[in-house]
Amino acid sequence: MSNGSTSKKIPEGTGLFRDILFKFRLMLCLIGDKRVDMLLKLIPIGTLIYLIMPLDFLFGPIDDAVVIYAGMELFIQLCPQGVVNEHKMVLKGSPSSDKSAEQNVIDAGFKSKE
């Protein structure tokens, strides 16, 4: 991974708040990743602006939570899938695919017959 994140590992589970926390941390990792297009990073920025200056469609915080969750989900879905999977593995505590690929490389020299 290019940014060398040393984030805390999130245990797997099925809870709603655990899922939201996992997606929030994944979103932060993706925002910090240089492989994600800058235009895509405008989606979470837009949802943050909405959080600061909400347009109330419904009464209470329900619409705010829906818009923020939908923006987070949309951003994750539009990011390159390989980058998303890499960050998911790091957050879940699995070894990164880049590290395992580096361990399987055999470095050898080549001599021509000339």
Protein backbone atom coordinates (compact mmCIF):
# COMPACT_ATOMS: atom_id res chain seq x y z
CA MET A 1 0.00 0.00 0.00
CA SER A 2 1.33 3.40 -0.89
CA ASN A 3 0.34 5.44 2.15
CA GLY A 4 1.64 3.06 4.84
CA SER A 5 -1.45 3.32 7.02
CA THR A 6 -1.06 2.00 10.55
CA SER A 7 -4.75 2.12 11.37
CA LYS A 8 -6.41 0.02 14.06
CA LYS A 9 -7.89 -3.26 12.92
CA ILE A 10 -11.67 -3.54 13.08
CA PRO A 11 -13.03 -6.96 14.09
CA GLU A 12 -15.57 -8.51 11.77
CA GLY A 13 -19.18 -8.50 12.86
CA THR A 14 -22.71 -7.84 11.73
CA GLY A 15 -23.66 -4.83 13.81
CA LEU A 16 -25.00 -1.70 12.14
CA PHE A 17 -22.66 0.63 14.02
CA ARG A 18 -19.68 -1.65 13.35
CA ASP A 19 -20.54 -1.57 9.64
CA ILE A 20 -20.83 2.22 9.66
CA LEU A 21 -17.52 2.55 11.53
CA PHE A 22 -15.83 0.16 9.08
CA LYS A 23 -17.13 2.07 6.05
CA PHE A 24 -16.18 5.40 7.59
CA ARG A 25 -12.61 4.21 8.20
CA LEU A 26 -12.50 2.71 4.71
CA MET A 27 -13.65 6.03 3.28
CA LEU A 28 -10.90 7.88 5.17
CA CYS A 29 -8.29 5.45 3.84
CA LEU A 30 -9.59 5.89 0.29
CA ILE A 31 -9.58 9.68 0.60
CA GLY A 32 -5.92 9.51 1.62
CA ASP A 33 -4.98 7.16 -1.23
CA LYS A 34 -3.38 8.84 -4.25
CA ARG A 35 -4.76 6.17 -6.60
CA VAL A 36 -8.32 7.44 -6.10
CA ASP A 37 -9.40 10.18 -8.52
CA MET A 38 -9.66 13.67 -7.06
CA LEU A 39 -13.15 14.14 -8.53
CA LEU A 40 -14.39 11.12 -6.59
CA LYS A 41 -13.07 12.68 -3.39
CA LEU A 42 -15.57 15.50 -3.88
CA ILE A 43 -18.41 13.12 -2.90
CA PRO A 44 -17.40 12.81 0.79
CA ILE A 45 -16.53 16.51 0.85
CA GLY A 46 -20.03 17.27 -0.43
CA THR A 47 -21.61 15.10 2.25
CA LEU A 48 -19.50 16.88 4.87
CA ILE A 49 -20.76 20.22 3.57
CA TYR A 50 -24.30 18.84 3.78
CA LEU A 51 -23.63 17.87 7.40
CA ILE A 52 -22.55 21.43 8.19
CA MET A 53 -25.39 23.12 6.26
CA PRO A 54 -28.20 20.52 6.04
CA LEU A 55 -31.30 20.94 3.92
CA ASP A 56 -34.03 19.37 5.99
CA PHE A 57 -36.24 17.15 3.84
CA LEU A 58 -37.64 15.30 6.85
CA PHE A 59 -37.91 16.24 10.47
CA GLY A 60 -35.04 15.23 12.68
CA PRO A 61 -31.66 13.73 11.89
CA ILE A 62 -32.98 10.82 9.80
CA ASP A 63 -32.51 12.51 6.43
CA ASP A 64 -29.03 13.72 7.42
CA ALA A 65 -27.95 10.20 8.33
CA VAL A 66 -29.38 8.78 5.09
CA VAL A 67 -27.60 11.36 2.91
CA ILE A 68 -24.29 10.89 4.71
CA TYR A 69 -24.49 7.08 4.55
CA ALA A 70 -25.53 7.17 0.88
CA GLY A 71 -22.66 9.52 0.03
CA MET A 72 -20.21 7.27 1.85
CA GLU A 73 -21.55 4.18 0.10
CA LEU A 74 -21.52 5.86 -3.33
CA PHE A 75 -17.92 7.00 -2.86
CA ILE A 76 -16.78 3.49 -1.89
CA GLN A 77 -18.66 1.91 -4.83
CA LEU A 78 -17.14 4.33 -7.37
CA CYS A 79 -13.54 3.91 -6.17
CA PRO A 80 -11.32 1.38 -8.02
CA GLN A 81 -12.28 -2.06 -6.71
CA GLY A 82 -8.68 -3.24 -6.30
CA VAL A 83 -7.84 -0.26 -4.10
CA VAL A 84 -11.01 -0.76 -2.05
CA ASN A 85 -10.24 -4.46 -1.54
CA GLU A 86 -6.68 -3.66 -0.48
CA HIS A 87 -7.86 -1.20 2.17
CA LYS A 88 -10.58 -3.62 3.33
CA MET A 89 -7.96 -6.33 3.89
CA VAL A 90 -5.79 -3.96 5.90
CA LEU A 91 -8.71 -2.79 8.05
CA LYS A 92 -9.84 -6.38 8.68
CA GLY A 93 -6.31 -7.38 9.66
CA SER A 94 -5.54 -9.63 6.69
CA PRO A 95 -2.11 -9.40 5.12
CA SER A 96 -2.00 -7.01 2.19
CA SER A 97 -1.99 -8.51 -1.29
CA ASP A 98 1.03 -6.35 -2.17
CA LYS A 99 3.09 -7.84 0.65
CA SER A 100 2.20 -11.42 -0.25
CA ALA A 101 3.02 -10.73 -3.91
CA GLU A 102 6.41 -9.34 -2.90
CA GLN A 103 7.19 -12.53 -0.98
CA ASN A 104 6.58 -14.66 -4.10
CA VAL A 105 9.01 -12.73 -6.34
CA ILE A 106 12.16 -14.57 -7.41
CA ASP A 107 14.97 -12.27 -8.44
CA ALA A 108 17.35 -13.85 -10.97
CA GLY A 109 19.96 -12.77 -13.47
CA PHE A 110 19.90 -13.44 -17.20
CA LYS A 111 22.84 -14.33 -19.44
CA SER A 112 22.59 -14.24 -23.22
CA LYS A 113 24.38 -16.72 -25.52
CA GLU A 114 26.27 -14.04 -27.44
